[in-house]
Amino acid sequence: METKSNSSITIAILWMLLISMLLFWLPVFGPLIAGVIGGKKAGGVGAAIVAVFLPAIIVGGGFFALASLFSGMPVIGVVAGLGGLTLALINVGPLLMGAIIGGILSH
């Protein structure tokens, strides 16, 4: 039985993050496609599930930081940033479903 190294999870995370950012304009299918490709790169269902959560945290944290940074009033920036964080977390469902499908297809 072949074991996968952490580098395949890292590559899967990078693919999911990149494709999620490129396909942001497709509300459900963008994260689903990113999850399938990232799941195939991860090499298995377990590694794919692990790889799902870091892109969501990075994108949500980026939304939060940028909205807080670009707002002239910190309170408004925090509220807008939390809205962006919520939108990023909504995409975790299709991303996770795609990652599971991609992990199954990689076998």
PDB file of N, CA and C in Angstrom:
ATOM      1  N   MET A   1       0.842  -1.175   0.000  1.00  0.00           N
ATOM      2  CA  MET A   1       0.000   0.000   0.000  1.00  0.00           C
ATOM      3  C   MET A   1       0.888   1.239   0.000  1.00  0.00           C
ATOM      4  N   GLU A   2       0.592   2.133  -0.870  1.00  0.00           N
ATOM      5  CA  GLU A   2       1.383   3.356  -1.006  1.00  0.00           C
ATOM      6  C   GLU A   2       0.859   4.422  -0.060  1.00  0.00           C
ATOM      7  N   THR A   3       1.769   5.088   0.645  1.00  0.00           N
ATOM      8  CA  THR A   3       1.359   6.172   1.537  1.00  0.00           C
ATOM      9  C   THR A   3       1.661   7.506   0.875  1.00  0.00           C
ATOM     10  N   LYS A   4       0.767   8.460   1.109  1.00  0.00           N
ATOM     11  CA  LYS A   4       0.944   9.793   0.540  1.00  0.00           C
ATOM     12  C   LYS A   4       1.669  10.678   1.541  1.00  0.00           C
ATOM     13  N   SER A   5       2.530  11.537   1.047  1.00  0.00           N
ATOM     14  CA  SER A   5       3.258  12.442   1.933  1.00  0.00           C
ATOM     15  C   SER A   5       2.467  13.733   2.121  1.00  0.00           C
ATOM     16  N   ASN A   6       2.952  14.587   3.016  1.00  0.00           N
ATOM     17  CA  ASN A   6       2.294  15.867   3.245  1.00  0.00           C
ATOM     18  C   ASN A   6       2.390  16.786   2.043  1.00  0.00           C
ATOM     19  N   SER A   7       3.331  16.549   1.147  1.00  0.00           N
ATOM     20  CA  SER A   7       3.457  17.415  -0.022  1.00  0.00           C
ATOM     21  C   SER A   7       2.239  17.294  -0.933  1.00  0.00           C
ATOM     22  N   SER A   8       1.614  16.107  -0.994  1.00  0.00           N
ATOM     23  CA  SER A   8       0.418  15.986  -1.824  1.00  0.00           C
ATOM     24  C   SER A   8      -0.745  16.771  -1.216  1.00  0.00           C
ATOM     25  N   ILE A   9      -0.814  16.839   0.106  1.00  0.00           N
ATOM     26  CA  ILE A   9      -1.842  17.650   0.751  1.00  0.00           C
ATOM     27  C   ILE A   9      -1.574  19.131   0.492  1.00  0.00           C
ATOM     28  N   THR A  10      -0.306  19.524   0.546  1.00  0.00           N
ATOM     29  CA  THR A  10       0.050  20.912   0.274  1.00  0.00           C
ATOM     30  C   THR A  10      -0.295  21.297  -1.159  1.00  0.00           C
ATOM     31  N   ILE A  11       0.006  20.421  -2.095  1.00  0.00           N
ATOM     32  CA  ILE A  11      -0.328  20.684  -3.500  1.00  0.00           C
ATOM     33  C   ILE A  11      -1.840  20.763  -3.675  1.00  0.00           C
ATOM     34  N   ALA A  12      -2.575  19.890  -2.996  1.00  0.00           N
ATOM     35  CA  ALA A  12      -4.036  19.920  -3.082  1.00  0.00           C
ATOM     36  C   ALA A  12      -4.584  21.226  -2.515  1.00  0.00           C
ATOM     37  N   ILE A  13      -4.010  21.690  -1.411  1.00  0.00           N
ATOM     38  CA  ILE A  13      -4.440  22.962  -0.820  1.00  0.00           C
ATOM     39  C   ILE A  13      -4.208  24.104  -1.795  1.00  0.00           C
ATOM     40  N   LEU A  14      -3.042  24.116  -2.427  1.00  0.00           N
ATOM     41  CA  LEU A  14      -2.731  25.188  -3.379  1.00  0.00           C
ATOM     42  C   LEU A  14      -3.674  25.158  -4.578  1.00  0.00           C
ATOM     43  N   TRP A  15      -3.960  23.961  -5.105  1.00  0.00           N
ATOM     44  CA  TRP A  15      -4.886  23.843  -6.226  1.00  0.00           C
ATOM     45  C   TRP A  15      -6.277  24.314  -5.837  1.00  0.00           C
ATOM     46  N   MET A  16      -6.749  23.891  -4.658  1.00  0.00           N
ATOM     47  CA  MET A  16      -8.086  24.304  -4.217  1.00  0.00           C
ATOM     48  C   MET A  16      -8.169  25.814  -4.027  1.00  0.00           C
ATOM     49  N   LEU A  17      -7.138  26.379  -3.445  1.00  0.00           N
ATOM     50  CA  LEU A  17      -7.125  27.822  -3.225  1.00  0.00           C
ATOM     51  C   LEU A  17      -7.104  28.578  -4.549  1.00  0.00           C
ATOM     52  N   LEU A  18      -6.256  28.169  -5.468  1.00  0.00           N
ATOM     53  CA  LEU A  18      -6.137  28.840  -6.759  1.00  0.00           C
ATOM     54  C   LEU A  18      -7.427  28.731  -7.570  1.00  0.00           C
ATOM     55  N   ILE A  19      -7.971  27.543  -7.668  1.00  0.00           N
ATOM     56  CA  ILE A  19      -9.177  27.361  -8.479  1.00  0.00           C
ATOM     57  C   ILE A  19     -10.380  28.029  -7.822  1.00  0.00           C
ATOM     58  N   SER A  20     -10.436  28.017  -6.489  1.00  0.00           N
ATOM     59  CA  SER A  20     -11.528  28.724  -5.800  1.00  0.00           C
ATOM     60  C   SER A  20     -11.483  30.216  -6.085  1.00  0.00           C
ATOM     61  N   MET A  21     -10.288  30.773  -6.127  1.00  0.00           N
ATOM     62  CA  MET A  21     -10.178  32.205  -6.413  1.00  0.00           C
ATOM     63  C   MET A  21     -10.487  32.502  -7.876  1.00  0.00           C
ATOM     64  N   LEU A  22     -10.116  31.620  -8.784  1.00  0.00           N
ATOM     65  CA  LEU A  22     -10.383  31.848 -10.200  1.00  0.00           C
ATOM     66  C   LEU A  22     -11.858  31.656 -10.551  1.00  0.00           C
ATOM     67  N   LEU A  23     -12.531  30.749  -9.859  1.00  0.00           N
ATOM     68  CA  LEU A  23     -13.930  30.453 -10.163  1.00  0.00           C
ATOM     69  C   LEU A  23     -14.874  31.013  -9.108  1.00  0.00           C
ATOM     70  N   PHE A  24     -14.500  32.127  -8.484  1.00  0.00           N
ATOM     71  CA  PHE A  24     -15.339  32.721  -7.439  1.00  0.00           C
ATOM     72  C   PHE A  24     -16.708  33.132  -7.959  1.00  0.00           C
ATOM     73  N   TRP A  25     -16.832  33.377  -9.240  1.00  0.00           N
ATOM     74  CA  TRP A  25     -18.073  33.867  -9.821  1.00  0.00           C
ATOM     75  C   TRP A  25     -19.095  32.750 -10.054  1.00  0.00           C
ATOM     76  N   LEU A  26     -18.716  31.494  -9.841  1.00  0.00           N
ATOM     77  CA  LEU A  26     -19.656  30.372  -9.906  1.00  0.00           C
ATOM     78  C   LEU A  26     -20.008  29.958  -8.483  1.00  0.00           C
ATOM     79  N   PRO A  27     -21.169  30.343  -7.961  1.00  0.00           N
ATOM     80  CA  PRO A  27     -21.455  30.167  -6.534  1.00  0.00           C
ATOM     81  C   PRO A  27     -21.330  28.742  -6.002  1.00  0.00           C
ATOM     82  N   VAL A  28     -21.867  27.748  -6.653  1.00  0.00           N
ATOM     83  CA  VAL A  28     -21.793  26.379  -6.140  1.00  0.00           C
ATOM     84  C   VAL A  28     -20.780  25.555  -6.927  1.00  0.00           C
ATOM     85  N   PHE A  29     -20.752  25.740  -8.232  1.00  0.00           N
ATOM     86  CA  PHE A  29     -19.918  24.885  -9.071  1.00  0.00           C
ATOM     87  C   PHE A  29     -18.428  25.226  -8.997  1.00  0.00           C
ATOM     88  N   GLY A  30     -18.087  26.476  -8.703  1.00  0.00           N
ATOM     89  CA  GLY A  30     -16.674  26.844  -8.564  1.00  0.00           C
ATOM     90  C   GLY A  30     -15.985  26.084  -7.446  1.00  0.00           C
ATOM     91  N   PRO A  31     -16.530  26.118  -6.205  1.00  0.00           N
ATOM     92  CA  PRO A  31     -15.912  25.344  -5.138  1.00  0.00           C
ATOM     93  C   PRO A  31     -16.001  23.835  -5.369  1.00  0.00           C
ATOM     94  N   LEU A  32     -17.072  23.381  -6.023  1.00  0.00           N
ATOM     95  CA  LEU A  32     -17.209  21.961  -6.301  1.00  0.00           C
ATOM     96  C   LEU A  32     -16.105  21.489  -7.248  1.00  0.00           C
ATOM     97  N   ILE A  33     -15.853  22.257  -8.298  1.00  0.00           N
ATOM     98  CA  ILE A  33     -14.778  21.919  -9.241  1.00  0.00           C
ATOM     99  C   ILE A  33     -13.421  21.974  -8.550  1.00  0.00           C
ATOM    100  N   ALA A  34     -13.209  23.005  -7.741  1.00  0.00           N
ATOM    101  CA  ALA A  34     -11.950  23.125  -6.999  1.00  0.00           C
ATOM    102  C   ALA A  34     -11.761  21.946  -6.054  1.00  0.00           C
ATOM    103  N   GLY A  35     -12.835  21.513  -5.413  1.00  0.00           N
ATOM    104  CA  GLY A  35     -12.753  20.376  -4.507  1.00  0.00           C
ATOM    105  C   GLY A  35     -12.434  19.079  -5.219  1.00  0.00           C
ATOM    106  N   VAL A  36     -13.053  18.857  -6.392  1.00  0.00           N
ATOM    107  CA  VAL A  36     -12.778  17.625  -7.137  1.00  0.00           C
ATOM    108  C   VAL A  36     -11.317  17.575  -7.574  1.00  0.00           C
ATOM    109  N   ILE A  37     -10.816  18.674  -8.107  1.00  0.00           N
ATOM    110  CA  ILE A  37      -9.420  18.699  -8.559  1.00  0.00           C
ATOM    111  C   ILE A  37      -8.473  18.574  -7.374  1.00  0.00           C
ATOM    112  N   GLY A  38      -8.739  19.302  -6.296  1.00  0.00           N
ATOM    113  CA  GLY A  38      -7.897  19.207  -5.113  1.00  0.00           C
ATOM    114  C   GLY A  38      -7.953  17.836  -4.477  1.00  0.00           C
ATOM    115  N   GLY A  39      -9.127  17.211  -4.470  1.00  0.00           N
ATOM    116  CA  GLY A  39      -9.263  15.862  -3.925  1.00  0.00           C
ATOM    117  C   GLY A  39      -8.480  14.840  -4.714  1.00  0.00           C
ATOM    118  N   LYS A  40      -8.467  14.999  -6.045  1.00  0.00           N
ATOM    119  CA  LYS A  40      -7.660  14.097  -6.869  1.00  0.00           C
ATOM    120  C   LYS A  40      -6.170  14.308  -6.616  1.00  0.00           C
ATOM    121  N   LYS A  41      -5.756  15.560  -6.421  1.00  0.00           N
ATOM    122  CA  LYS A  41      -4.350  15.853  -6.137  1.00  0.00           C
ATOM    123  C   LYS A  41      -3.941  15.339  -4.764  1.00  0.00           C
ATOM    124  N   ALA A  42      -4.873  15.337  -3.801  1.00  0.00           N
ATOM    125  CA  ALA A  42      -4.567  14.879  -2.449  1.00  0.00           C
ATOM    126  C   ALA A  42      -4.331  13.372  -2.427  1.00  0.00           C
ATOM    127  N   GLY A  43      -5.006  12.642  -3.293  1.00  0.00           N
ATOM    128  CA  GLY A  43      -4.757  11.215  -3.402  1.00  0.00           C
ATOM    129  C   GLY A  43      -5.636  10.330  -2.551  1.00  0.00           C
ATOM    130  N   GLY A  44      -6.544  10.863  -1.809  1.00  0.00           N
ATOM    131  CA  GLY A  44      -7.437  10.045  -0.996  1.00  0.00           C
ATOM    132  C   GLY A  44      -8.463  10.904  -0.293  1.00  0.00           C
ATOM    133  N   VAL A  45      -9.467  10.253   0.246  1.00  0.00           N
ATOM    134  CA  VAL A  45     -10.559  10.985   0.876  1.00  0.00           C
ATOM    135  C   VAL A  45     -10.094  11.679   2.151  1.00  0.00           C
ATOM    136  N   GLY A  46      -9.324  10.992   2.971  1.00  0.00           N
ATOM    137  CA  GLY A  46      -8.859  11.584   4.227  1.00  0.00           C
ATOM    138  C   GLY A  46      -7.988  12.813   4.003  1.00  0.00           C
ATOM    139  N   ALA A  47      -7.043  12.688   3.083  1.00  0.00           N
ATOM    140  CA  ALA A  47      -6.165  13.821   2.775  1.00  0.00           C
ATOM    141  C   ALA A  47      -6.945  14.961   2.138  1.00  0.00           C
ATOM    142  N   ALA A  48      -7.954  14.629   1.341  1.00  0.00           N
ATOM    143  CA  ALA A  48      -8.772  15.663   0.706  1.00  0.00           C
ATOM    144  C   ALA A  48      -9.578  16.440   1.737  1.00  0.00           C
ATOM    145  N   ILE A  49     -10.108  15.740   2.727  1.00  0.00           N
ATOM    146  CA  ILE A  49     -10.877  16.417   3.772  1.00  0.00           C
ATOM    147  C   ILE A  49      -9.978  17.349   4.571  1.00  0.00           C
ATOM    148  N   VAL A  50      -8.755  16.896   4.851  1.00  0.00           N
ATOM    149  CA  VAL A  50      -7.811  17.758   5.565  1.00  0.00           C
ATOM    150  C   VAL A  50      -7.479  18.993   4.732  1.00  0.00           C
ATOM    151  N   ALA A  51      -7.349  18.811   3.431  1.00  0.00           N
ATOM    152  CA  ALA A  51      -6.955  19.909   2.547  1.00  0.00           C
ATOM    153  C   ALA A  51      -8.068  20.924   2.308  1.00  0.00           C
ATOM    154  N   VAL A  52      -9.293  20.616   2.645  1.00  0.00           N
ATOM    155  CA  VAL A  52     -10.418  21.525   2.388  1.00  0.00           C
ATOM    156  C   VAL A  52     -10.371  22.750   3.290  1.00  0.00           C
ATOM    157  N   PHE A  53     -10.020  22.563   4.540  1.00  0.00           N
ATOM    158  CA  PHE A  53     -10.258  23.618   5.512  1.00  0.00           C
ATOM    159  C   PHE A  53      -9.260  24.763   5.454  1.00  0.00           C
ATOM    160  N   LEU A  54      -8.030  24.546   5.048  1.00  0.00           N
ATOM    161  CA  LEU A  54      -7.062  25.640   4.993  1.00  0.00           C
ATOM    162  C   LEU A  54      -7.414  26.684   3.934  1.00  0.00           C
ATOM    163  N   PRO A  55      -7.812  26.309   2.703  1.00  0.00           N
ATOM    164  CA  PRO A  55      -8.214  27.359   1.750  1.00  0.00           C
ATOM    165  C   PRO A  55      -9.387  28.201   2.251  1.00  0.00           C
ATOM    166  N   ALA A  56     -10.336  27.576   2.934  1.00  0.00           N
ATOM    167  CA  ALA A  56     -11.476  28.336   3.456  1.00  0.00           C
ATOM    168  C   ALA A  56     -11.025  29.323   4.518  1.00  0.00           C
ATOM    169  N   ILE A  57     -10.113  28.910   5.373  1.00  0.00           N
ATOM    170  CA  ILE A  57      -9.618  29.799   6.416  1.00  0.00           C
ATOM    171  C   ILE A  57      -8.805  30.938   5.807  1.00  0.00           C
ATOM    172  N   ILE A  58      -7.991  30.633   4.795  1.00  0.00           N
ATOM    173  CA  ILE A  58      -7.160  31.665   4.161  1.00  0.00           C
ATOM    174  C   ILE A  58      -8.039  32.700   3.446  1.00  0.00           C
ATOM    175  N   VAL A  59      -9.008  32.236   2.669  1.00  0.00           N
ATOM    176  CA  VAL A  59      -9.880  33.163   1.931  1.00  0.00           C
ATOM    177  C   VAL A  59     -10.728  33.985   2.900  1.00  0.00           C
ATOM    178  N   GLY A  60     -11.304  33.336   3.895  1.00  0.00           N
ATOM    179  CA  GLY A  60     -12.117  34.064   4.876  1.00  0.00           C
ATOM    180  C   GLY A  60     -11.295  35.062   5.673  1.00  0.00           C
ATOM    181  N   GLY A  61     -10.107  34.670   6.086  1.00  0.00           N
ATOM    182  CA  GLY A  61      -9.225  35.595   6.798  1.00  0.00           C
ATOM    183  C   GLY A  61      -8.781  36.750   5.920  1.00  0.00           C
ATOM    184  N   GLY A  62      -8.557  36.460   4.628  1.00  0.00           N
ATOM    185  CA  GLY A  62      -8.200  37.526   3.691  1.00  0.00           C
ATOM    186  C   GLY A  62      -9.320  38.535   3.524  1.00  0.00           C
ATOM    187  N   PHE A  63     -10.559  38.029   3.387  1.00  0.00           N
ATOM    188  CA  PHE A  63     -11.717  38.936   3.314  1.00  0.00           C
ATOM    189  C   PHE A  63     -11.795  39.804   4.553  1.00  0.00           C
ATOM    190  N   PHE A  64     -11.650  39.184   5.709  1.00  0.00           N
ATOM    191  CA  PHE A  64     -11.742  39.909   6.971  1.00  0.00           C
ATOM    192  C   PHE A  64     -10.655  40.973   7.074  1.00  0.00           C
ATOM    193  N   ALA A  65      -9.420  40.606   6.749  1.00  0.00           N
ATOM    194  CA  ALA A  65      -8.298  41.549   6.861  1.00  0.00           C
ATOM    195  C   ALA A  65      -8.422  42.695   5.864  1.00  0.00           C
ATOM    196  N   LEU A  66      -8.756  42.390   4.622  1.00  0.00           N
ATOM    197  CA  LEU A  66      -8.851  43.440   3.610  1.00  0.00           C
ATOM    198  C   LEU A  66     -10.008  44.398   3.882  1.00  0.00           C
ATOM    199  N   ALA A  67     -11.146  43.873   4.315  1.00  0.00           N
ATOM    200  CA  ALA A  67     -12.270  44.765   4.617  1.00  0.00           C
ATOM    201  C   ALA A  67     -11.948  45.658   5.804  1.00  0.00           C
ATOM    202  N   SER A  68     -11.261  45.119   6.797  1.00  0.00           N
ATOM    203  CA  SER A  68     -10.870  45.933   7.952  1.00  0.00           C
ATOM    204  C   SER A  68      -9.815  46.959   7.569  1.00  0.00           C
ATOM    205  N   LEU A  69      -8.916  46.581   6.669  1.00  0.00           N
ATOM    206  CA  LEU A  69      -7.824  47.452   6.264  1.00  0.00           C
ATOM    207  C   LEU A  69      -8.314  48.619   5.400  1.00  0.00           C
ATOM    208  N   PHE A  70      -9.178  48.330   4.439  1.00  0.00           N
ATOM    209  CA  PHE A  70      -9.593  49.345   3.481  1.00  0.00           C
ATOM    210  C   PHE A  70     -10.734  50.229   3.970  1.00  0.00           C
ATOM    211  N   SER A  71     -11.325  49.910   5.081  1.00  0.00           N
ATOM    212  CA  SER A  71     -12.407  50.727   5.611  1.00  0.00           C
ATOM    213  C   SER A  71     -11.813  51.875   6.425  1.00  0.00           C
ATOM    214  N   GLY A  72     -12.414  53.036   6.317  1.00  0.00           N
ATOM    215  CA  GLY A  72     -11.945  54.176   7.087  1.00  0.00           C
ATOM    216  C   GLY A  72     -12.359  54.096   8.547  1.00  0.00           C
ATOM    217  N   MET A  73     -13.419  53.336   8.806  1.00  0.00           N
ATOM    218  CA  MET A  73     -13.914  53.191  10.171  1.00  0.00           C
ATOM    219  C   MET A  73     -13.745  51.726  10.585  1.00  0.00           C
ATOM    220  N   PRO A  74     -12.978  51.461  11.621  1.00  0.00           N
ATOM    221  CA  PRO A  74     -12.676  50.069  11.989  1.00  0.00           C
ATOM    222  C   PRO A  74     -13.903  49.209  12.278  1.00  0.00           C
ATOM    223  N   VAL A  75     -14.939  49.787  12.890  1.00  0.00           N
ATOM    224  CA  VAL A  75     -16.125  48.992  13.219  1.00  0.00           C
ATOM    225  C   VAL A  75     -16.825  48.534  11.939  1.00  0.00           C
ATOM    226  N   ILE A  76     -16.944  49.432  10.972  1.00  0.00           N
ATOM    227  CA  ILE A  76     -17.557  49.077   9.685  1.00  0.00           C
ATOM    228  C   ILE A  76     -16.714  48.018   8.977  1.00  0.00           C
ATOM    229  N   GLY A  77     -15.404  48.156   9.048  1.00  0.00           N
ATOM    230  CA  GLY A  77     -14.510  47.174   8.433  1.00  0.00           C
ATOM    231  C   GLY A  77     -14.649  45.798   9.051  1.00  0.00           C
ATOM    232  N   VAL A  78     -14.801  45.741  10.361  1.00  0.00           N
ATOM    233  CA  VAL A  78     -14.966  44.454  11.035  1.00  0.00           C
ATOM    234  C   VAL A  78     -16.286  43.805  10.628  1.00  0.00           C
ATOM    235  N   VAL A  79     -17.351  44.579  10.554  1.00  0.00           N
ATOM    236  CA  VAL A  79     -18.654  44.032  10.150  1.00  0.00           C
ATOM    237  C   VAL A  79     -18.588  43.532   8.711  1.00  0.00           C
ATOM    238  N   ALA A  80     -17.997  44.315   7.818  1.00  0.00           N
ATOM    239  CA  ALA A  80     -17.851  43.888   6.421  1.00  0.00           C
ATOM    240  C   ALA A  80     -16.942  42.667   6.326  1.00  0.00           C
ATOM    241  N   GLY A  81     -15.891  42.632   7.114  1.00  0.00           N
ATOM    242  CA  GLY A  81     -14.981  41.484   7.116  1.00  0.00           C
ATOM    243  C   GLY A  81     -15.662  40.216   7.596  1.00  0.00           C
ATOM    244  N   LEU A  82     -16.529  40.332   8.590  1.00  0.00           N
ATOM    245  CA  LEU A  82     -17.270  39.162   9.064  1.00  0.00           C
ATOM    246  C   LEU A  82     -18.247  38.670   8.003  1.00  0.00           C
ATOM    247  N   GLY A  83     -18.797  39.596   7.219  1.00  0.00           N
ATOM    248  CA  GLY A  83     -19.646  39.191   6.101  1.00  0.00           C
ATOM    249  C   GLY A  83     -18.866  38.404   5.061  1.00  0.00           C
ATOM    250  N   GLY A  84     -17.658  38.855   4.753  1.00  0.00           N
ATOM    251  CA  GLY A  84     -16.805  38.122   3.814  1.00  0.00           C
ATOM    252  C   GLY A  84     -16.394  36.774   4.360  1.00  0.00           C
ATOM    253  N   LEU A  85     -16.120  36.708   5.647  1.00  0.00           N
ATOM    254  CA  LEU A  85     -15.773  35.438   6.284  1.00  0.00           C
ATOM    255  C   LEU A  85     -16.945  34.466   6.206  1.00  0.00           C
ATOM    256  N   THR A  86     -18.150  34.970   6.403  1.00  0.00           N
ATOM    257  CA  THR A  86     -19.341  34.128   6.301  1.00  0.00           C
ATOM    258  C   THR A  86     -19.512  33.596   4.882  1.00  0.00           C
ATOM    259  N   LEU A  87     -19.307  34.443   3.889  1.00  0.00           N
ATOM    260  CA  LEU A  87     -19.411  33.980   2.501  1.00  0.00           C
ATOM    261  C   LEU A  87     -18.369  32.915   2.181  1.00  0.00           C
ATOM    262  N   ALA A  88     -17.163  33.065   2.704  1.00  0.00           N
ATOM    263  CA  ALA A  88     -16.118  32.060   2.476  1.00  0.00           C
ATOM    264  C   ALA A  88     -16.477  30.737   3.137  1.00  0.00           C
ATOM    265  N   LEU A  89     -17.061  30.790   4.324  1.00  0.00           N
ATOM    266  CA  LEU A  89     -17.431  29.560   5.017  1.00  0.00           C
ATOM    267  C   LEU A  89     -18.622  28.871   4.364  1.00  0.00           C
ATOM    268  N   ILE A  90     -19.465  29.624   3.668  1.00  0.00           N
ATOM    269  CA  ILE A  90     -20.580  29.018   2.938  1.00  0.00           C
ATOM    270  C   ILE A  90     -20.051  28.119   1.817  1.00  0.00           C
ATOM    271  N   ASN A  91     -18.923  28.496   1.230  1.00  0.00           N
ATOM    272  CA  ASN A  91     -18.344  27.708   0.137  1.00  0.00           C
ATOM    273  C   ASN A  91     -17.663  26.434   0.604  1.00  0.00           C
ATOM    274  N   VAL A  92     -17.539  26.222   1.912  1.00  0.00           N
ATOM    275  CA  VAL A  92     -16.876  25.019   2.407  1.00  0.00           C
ATOM    276  C   VAL A  92     -17.693  23.772   2.074  1.00  0.00           C
ATOM    277  N   GLY A  93     -19.021  23.867   2.090  1.00  0.00           N
ATOM    278  CA  GLY A  93     -19.879  22.713   1.795  1.00  0.00           C
ATOM    279  C   GLY A  93     -19.616  22.126   0.416  1.00  0.00           C
ATOM    280  N   PRO A  94     -19.749  22.928  -0.661  1.00  0.00           N
ATOM    281  CA  PRO A  94     -19.452  22.377  -1.985  1.00  0.00           C
ATOM    282  C   PRO A  94     -17.987  21.979  -2.151  1.00  0.00           C
ATOM    283  N   LEU A  95     -17.076  22.706  -1.516  1.00  0.00           N
ATOM    284  CA  LEU A  95     -15.656  22.360  -1.597  1.00  0.00           C
ATOM    285  C   LEU A  95     -15.403  21.010  -0.941  1.00  0.00           C
ATOM    286  N   LEU A  96     -16.024  20.762   0.205  1.00  0.00           N
ATOM    287  CA  LEU A  96     -15.871  19.491   0.902  1.00  0.00           C
ATOM    288  C   LEU A  96     -16.492  18.352   0.099  1.00  0.00           C
ATOM    289  N   MET A  97     -17.671  18.584  -0.475  1.00  0.00           N
ATOM    290  CA  MET A  97     -18.307  17.555  -1.281  1.00  0.00           C
ATOM    291  C   MET A  97     -17.463  17.223  -2.504  1.00  0.00           C
ATOM    292  N   GLY A  98     -16.923  18.244  -3.162  1.00  0.00           N
ATOM    293  CA  GLY A  98     -16.044  18.015  -4.313  1.00  0.00           C
ATOM    294  C   GLY A  98     -14.774  17.301  -3.917  1.00  0.00           C
ATOM    295  N   ALA A  99     -14.220  17.626  -2.747  1.00  0.00           N
ATOM    296  CA  ALA A  99     -12.986  16.972  -2.298  1.00  0.00           C
ATOM    297  C   ALA A  99     -13.223  15.502  -2.022  1.00  0.00           C
ATOM    298  N   ILE A 100     -14.374  15.167  -1.455  1.00  0.00           N
ATOM    299  CA  ILE A 100     -14.688  13.759  -1.212  1.00  0.00           C
ATOM    300  C   ILE A 100     -14.833  13.021  -2.532  1.00  0.00           C
ATOM    301  N   ILE A 101     -15.522  13.633  -3.488  1.00  0.00           N
ATOM    302  CA  ILE A 101     -15.674  13.003  -4.816  1.00  0.00           C
ATOM    303  C   ILE A 101     -14.306  12.838  -5.473  1.00  0.00           C
ATOM    304  N   GLY A 102     -13.474  13.878  -5.430  1.00  0.00           N
ATOM    305  CA  GLY A 102     -12.140  13.791  -6.024  1.00  0.00           C
ATOM    306  C   GLY A 102     -11.265  12.763  -5.327  1.00  0.00           C
ATOM    307  N   GLY A 103     -11.390  12.647  -4.005  1.00  0.00           N
ATOM    308  CA  GLY A 103     -10.631  11.634  -3.274  1.00  0.00           C
ATOM    309  C   GLY A 103     -11.044  10.232  -3.661  1.00  0.00           C
ATOM    310  N   ILE A 104     -12.348  10.034  -3.878  1.00  0.00           N
ATOM    311  CA  ILE A 104     -12.827   8.717  -4.318  1.00  0.00           C
ATOM    312  C   ILE A 104     -12.350   8.426  -5.730  1.00  0.00           C
ATOM    313  N   LEU A 105     -12.358   9.430  -6.607  1.00  0.00           N
ATOM    314  CA  LEU A 105     -11.930   9.234  -7.998  1.00  0.00           C
ATOM    315  C   LEU A 105     -10.431   8.982  -8.120  1.00  0.00           C
ATOM    316  N   SER A 106      -9.656   9.374  -7.109  1.00  0.00           N
ATOM    317  CA  SER A 106      -8.205   9.206  -7.210  1.00  0.00           C
ATOM    318  C   SER A 106      -7.761   7.774  -6.970  1.00  0.00           C
ATOM    319  N   HIS A 107      -8.642   6.948  -6.443  1.00  0.00           N
ATOM    320  CA  HIS A 107      -8.273   5.544  -6.188  1.00  0.00           C
ATOM    321  C   HIS A 107      -8.382   4.723  -7.410  1.00  0.00           C
TER     322      HIS A 107
END
